[in-house]
């Protein structure tokens, strides 16, 4: 019986050590302008992202998101409705933008990314954030 308890205890310690190991984080796969047009979650940029600016509009809460590990921006909208258009735009180059329409059955969504080096803004048809 003592031998069984020792084996069980060793097994529990081994399993406990395995269970305490955190899974590896999804590493970022792009940087700055190399992130242009990529999905922030698929590119591993969502983990350290934060809201750099936000604006409540009549169409929802529009947020400008920024990832330091990817040096990239994107727009996110919540409390919205299907079909709502919104975008993230590089404030120094209006051609560097990514837009998105909230899909049917959803009230939120996010755009693909733009370079995070220039200032950017998140907007919808009813307004948006300042360039930050």
Protein backbone atom coordinates (compact mmCIF):
# COMPACT_ATOMS: atom_id res chain seq x y z
CA UNK A 1 0.00 0.00 0.00
CA UNK A 2 2.86 2.39 0.81
CA UNK A 3 4.42 1.71 -2.60
CA UNK A 4 1.09 2.48 -4.35
CA UNK A 5 0.80 5.75 -2.44
CA UNK A 6 4.35 6.72 -3.45
CA UNK A 7 3.67 5.94 -7.11
CA UNK A 8 0.35 7.81 -6.97
CA UNK A 9 2.02 10.78 -5.25
CA UNK A 10 4.78 10.88 -7.88
CA UNK A 11 2.21 10.66 -10.65
CA UNK A 12 0.18 13.48 -9.09
CA UNK A 13 3.27 15.68 -8.85
CA UNK A 14 4.18 14.92 -12.47
CA UNK A 15 0.66 15.64 -13.66
CA UNK A 16 0.44 18.72 -11.46
CA UNK A 17 3.63 20.11 -13.00
CA UNK A 18 2.24 19.44 -16.47
CA UNK A 19 -1.04 21.14 -15.66
CA UNK A 20 0.68 24.23 -14.29
CA UNK A 21 2.64 24.86 -17.47
CA UNK A 22 0.98 27.65 -19.44
CA UNK A 23 0.49 27.16 -23.17
CA UNK A 24 2.85 29.09 -25.40
CA UNK A 25 1.48 32.45 -26.53
CA UNK A 26 0.80 32.91 -30.23
CA UNK A 27 3.80 34.90 -31.42
CA UNK A 28 3.29 37.97 -33.59
CA UNK A 29 3.89 37.27 -37.27
CA UNK A 30 4.21 40.86 -38.54
CA UNK A 31 5.52 44.33 -37.68
CA UNK A 32 4.36 47.81 -38.71
CA UNK A 33 3.59 48.12 -42.41
CA UNK A 34 4.04 44.35 -42.76
CA UNK A 35 0.78 43.95 -40.80
CA UNK A 36 -1.24 45.93 -43.36
CA UNK A 37 -4.41 44.05 -44.25
CA UNK A 38 -3.88 41.21 -41.78
CA UNK A 39 -6.34 40.07 -39.11
CA UNK A 40 -4.95 41.12 -35.69
CA UNK A 41 -5.90 37.87 -33.97
CA UNK A 42 -4.61 35.59 -36.71
CA UNK A 43 -1.32 37.54 -36.79
CA UNK A 44 -0.85 37.20 -33.01
CA UNK A 45 -1.27 40.91 -32.33
CA UNK A 46 -4.32 40.78 -30.07
CA UNK A 47 -2.61 39.58 -26.90
CA UNK A 48 -1.01 42.84 -25.82
CA UNK A 49 -3.39 45.21 -27.60
CA UNK A 50 -5.03 48.11 -25.85
CA UNK A 51 -7.58 50.78 -26.73
CA UNK A 52 -5.66 53.92 -27.70
CA UNK A 53 -8.83 56.00 -28.24
CA UNK A 54 -12.57 55.45 -28.32
CA UNK A 55 -15.71 57.31 -29.30
CA UNK A 56 -19.36 56.58 -28.63
CA UNK A 57 -21.37 57.33 -31.77
CA UNK A 58 -25.00 56.74 -32.66
CA UNK A 59 -23.83 53.55 -34.42
CA UNK A 60 -21.87 52.04 -31.52
CA UNK A 61 -18.66 52.25 -29.54
CA UNK A 62 -15.77 52.71 -31.99
CA UNK A 63 -12.28 51.95 -30.66
CA UNK A 64 -8.81 52.45 -32.08
CA UNK A 65 -6.78 49.40 -31.00
CA UNK A 66 -2.97 49.29 -30.89
CA UNK A 67 -0.57 46.37 -30.46
CA UNK A 68 2.96 47.23 -29.22
CA UNK A 69 4.29 43.80 -30.21
CA UNK A 70 3.14 44.36 -33.81
CA UNK A 71 3.27 48.17 -33.99
CA UNK A 72 -0.12 48.04 -35.72
CA UNK A 73 -3.59 49.62 -35.38
CA UNK A 74 -7.09 48.42 -36.14
CA UNK A 75 -10.64 49.54 -35.41
CA UNK A 76 -13.16 47.66 -33.31
CA UNK A 77 -16.86 48.38 -32.91
CA UNK A 78 -19.31 47.08 -30.32
CA UNK A 79 -22.95 47.71 -29.37
CA UNK A 80 -23.66 48.18 -33.06
CA UNK A 81 -25.90 46.47 -35.60
CA UNK A 82 -25.44 44.32 -38.71
CA UNK A 83 -24.34 46.26 -41.79
CA UNK A 84 -22.66 49.09 -39.87
CA UNK A 85 -19.58 50.31 -41.74
CA UNK A 86 -16.47 51.39 -39.84
CA UNK A 87 -12.75 51.72 -40.55
CA UNK A 88 -9.26 52.37 -39.27
CA UNK A 89 -7.29 54.98 -41.22
CA UNK A 90 -3.70 56.18 -41.15
CA UNK A 91 -4.05 59.94 -40.55
CA UNK A 92 -1.06 60.82 -42.74
CA UNK A 93 -2.06 58.69 -45.71
CA UNK A 94 -5.80 58.36 -46.32
CA UNK A 95 -5.06 55.51 -48.71
CA UNK A 96 -3.83 53.38 -45.83
CA UNK A 97 -7.18 52.29 -44.44
CA UNK A 98 -9.06 49.10 -43.68
CA UNK A 99 -12.85 49.07 -43.51
CA UNK A 100 -15.35 46.47 -42.35
CA UNK A 101 -19.11 45.95 -42.17
CA UNK A 102 -20.61 44.27 -39.10
CA UNK A 103 -21.87 40.90 -40.37
CA UNK A 104 -25.46 39.71 -40.17
CA UNK A 105 -26.32 38.34 -36.75
CA UNK A 106 -23.56 40.30 -34.96
CA UNK A 107 -23.31 43.57 -33.04
CA UNK A 108 -19.52 43.90 -33.08
CA UNK A 109 -16.45 43.34 -35.22
CA UNK A 110 -12.96 44.54 -36.06
CA UNK A 111 -11.04 45.60 -39.13
CA UNK A 112 -7.77 44.28 -40.43
CA UNK A 113 -4.64 46.24 -39.46
CA UNK A 114 -2.72 49.27 -40.68
CA UNK A 115 0.82 50.37 -39.76
CA UNK A 116 1.04 51.66 -36.19
CA UNK A 117 3.86 54.16 -36.78
CA UNK A 118 1.75 57.05 -38.14
CA UNK A 119 -1.16 58.40 -36.14
CA UNK A 120 -4.47 56.70 -36.87
CA UNK A 121 -8.18 57.02 -36.18
CA UNK A 122 -11.20 54.74 -35.96
CA UNK A 123 -14.40 56.04 -37.55
CA UNK A 124 -17.90 55.07 -38.62
CA UNK A 125 -20.56 57.00 -40.55
CA UNK A 126 -21.55 58.90 -37.39
CA UNK A 127 -18.10 59.99 -36.18
CA UNK A 128 -15.08 58.50 -34.50
CA UNK A 129 -11.84 59.08 -32.66
CA UNK A 130 -9.30 61.82 -33.11
CA UNK A 131 -5.98 60.96 -34.70
CA UNK A 132 -3.69 59.50 -32.03
